[in-house]
Amino acid sequence: MNESIFLLDKRVVFDSTKMTLSHGNEIIRISEAETH
């Protein structure tokens, strides 16, 4: 697995490069405002 991609709770994939959470067909993008 890529260093910027993490598997959370064996179901949710977090991509720190794209700042997205994905589960199946659902993708959530974390905005810059939410990271501060």
N, C-alpha and C. Protein backbone atom coordinates (compact mmCIF):
# COMPACT_ATOMS: atom_id res chain seq x y z
N MET A 1 0.84 -1.19 0.00
CA MET A 1 0.00 0.00 0.00
C MET A 1 0.88 1.25 0.00
N ASN A 2 0.45 2.26 -0.70
CA ASN A 2 1.18 3.53 -0.80
C ASN A 2 1.31 4.17 0.58
N GLU A 3 2.41 4.90 0.83
CA GLU A 3 2.64 5.54 2.13
C GLU A 3 1.60 6.61 2.45
N SER A 4 0.92 7.15 1.43
CA SER A 4 -0.07 8.20 1.67
C SER A 4 -1.48 7.65 1.79
N ILE A 5 -1.65 6.33 1.71
CA ILE A 5 -2.97 5.71 1.78
C ILE A 5 -3.02 4.80 3.00
N PHE A 6 -4.05 4.99 3.82
CA PHE A 6 -4.18 4.24 5.07
C PHE A 6 -5.54 3.55 5.13
N LEU A 7 -5.59 2.36 5.69
CA LEU A 7 -6.83 1.63 5.88
C LEU A 7 -7.28 1.83 7.32
N LEU A 8 -8.48 2.38 7.50
CA LEU A 8 -9.01 2.65 8.83
C LEU A 8 -10.13 1.67 9.14
N ASP A 9 -10.05 1.02 10.27
CA ASP A 9 -11.10 0.11 10.74
C ASP A 9 -11.46 -0.96 9.70
N LYS A 10 -10.48 -1.35 8.87
CA LYS A 10 -10.64 -2.40 7.85
C LYS A 10 -11.73 -2.10 6.83
N ARG A 11 -12.25 -0.86 6.79
CA ARG A 11 -13.33 -0.55 5.85
C ARG A 11 -13.13 0.77 5.13
N VAL A 12 -12.56 1.76 5.81
CA VAL A 12 -12.46 3.10 5.25
C VAL A 12 -11.02 3.37 4.81
N VAL A 13 -10.85 3.87 3.61
CA VAL A 13 -9.52 4.18 3.08
C VAL A 13 -9.31 5.68 3.15
N PHE A 14 -8.22 6.11 3.79
CA PHE A 14 -7.86 7.53 3.88
C PHE A 14 -6.66 7.78 2.98
N ASP A 15 -6.79 8.70 2.05
CA ASP A 15 -5.70 9.09 1.16
C ASP A 15 -5.23 10.47 1.59
N SER A 16 -4.05 10.54 2.20
CA SER A 16 -3.56 11.82 2.74
C SER A 16 -3.09 12.77 1.65
N THR A 17 -2.80 12.26 0.46
CA THR A 17 -2.41 13.13 -0.66
C THR A 17 -3.62 13.87 -1.21
N LYS A 18 -4.70 13.13 -1.44
CA LYS A 18 -5.93 13.73 -1.99
C LYS A 18 -6.84 14.26 -0.89
N MET A 19 -6.54 13.92 0.38
CA MET A 19 -7.36 14.28 1.53
C MET A 19 -8.79 13.77 1.34
N THR A 20 -8.91 12.47 1.07
CA THR A 20 -10.22 11.86 0.88
C THR A 20 -10.37 10.64 1.78
N LEU A 21 -11.60 10.39 2.18
CA LEU A 21 -11.98 9.16 2.86
C LEU A 21 -12.90 8.42 1.90
N SER A 22 -12.68 7.13 1.70
CA SER A 22 -13.57 6.38 0.82
C SER A 22 -13.98 5.06 1.45
N HIS A 23 -15.23 4.70 1.18
CA HIS A 23 -15.79 3.45 1.67
C HIS A 23 -16.73 2.95 0.59
N GLY A 24 -16.34 1.89 -0.09
CA GLY A 24 -17.15 1.40 -1.20
C GLY A 24 -17.21 2.44 -2.31
N ASN A 25 -18.41 2.85 -2.68
CA ASN A 25 -18.60 3.85 -3.74
C ASN A 25 -18.65 5.27 -3.20
N GLU A 26 -18.62 5.46 -1.88
CA GLU A 26 -18.71 6.79 -1.29
C GLU A 26 -17.33 7.38 -1.08
N ILE A 27 -17.17 8.65 -1.47
CA ILE A 27 -15.91 9.35 -1.28
C ILE A 27 -16.21 10.69 -0.62
N ILE A 28 -15.50 10.98 0.48
CA ILE A 28 -15.65 12.25 1.19
C ILE A 28 -14.32 12.99 1.09
N ARG A 29 -14.37 14.23 0.63
CA ARG A 29 -13.16 15.05 0.52
C ARG A 29 -13.09 15.96 1.75
N ILE A 30 -11.94 15.99 2.41
CA ILE A 30 -11.72 16.84 3.58
C ILE A 30 -11.19 18.17 3.07
N SER A 31 -11.92 19.24 3.35
CA SER A 31 -11.51 20.55 2.84
C SER A 31 -10.38 21.13 3.69
N GLU A 32 -9.66 22.08 3.12
CA GLU A 32 -8.56 22.76 3.81
C GLU A 32 -9.04 23.40 5.11
N ALA A 33 -10.23 23.97 5.11
CA ALA A 33 -10.78 24.65 6.29
C ALA A 33 -10.99 23.67 7.44
N GLU A 34 -11.32 22.44 7.14
CA GLU A 34 -11.57 21.44 8.17
C GLU A 34 -10.30 20.88 8.79
N THR A 35 -9.16 21.15 8.18
CA THR A 35 -7.91 20.59 8.68
C THR A 35 -7.21 21.49 9.68
N HIS A 36 -7.71 22.70 9.90
CA HIS A 36 -7.08 23.64 10.83
C HIS A 36 -7.95 23.89 12.03
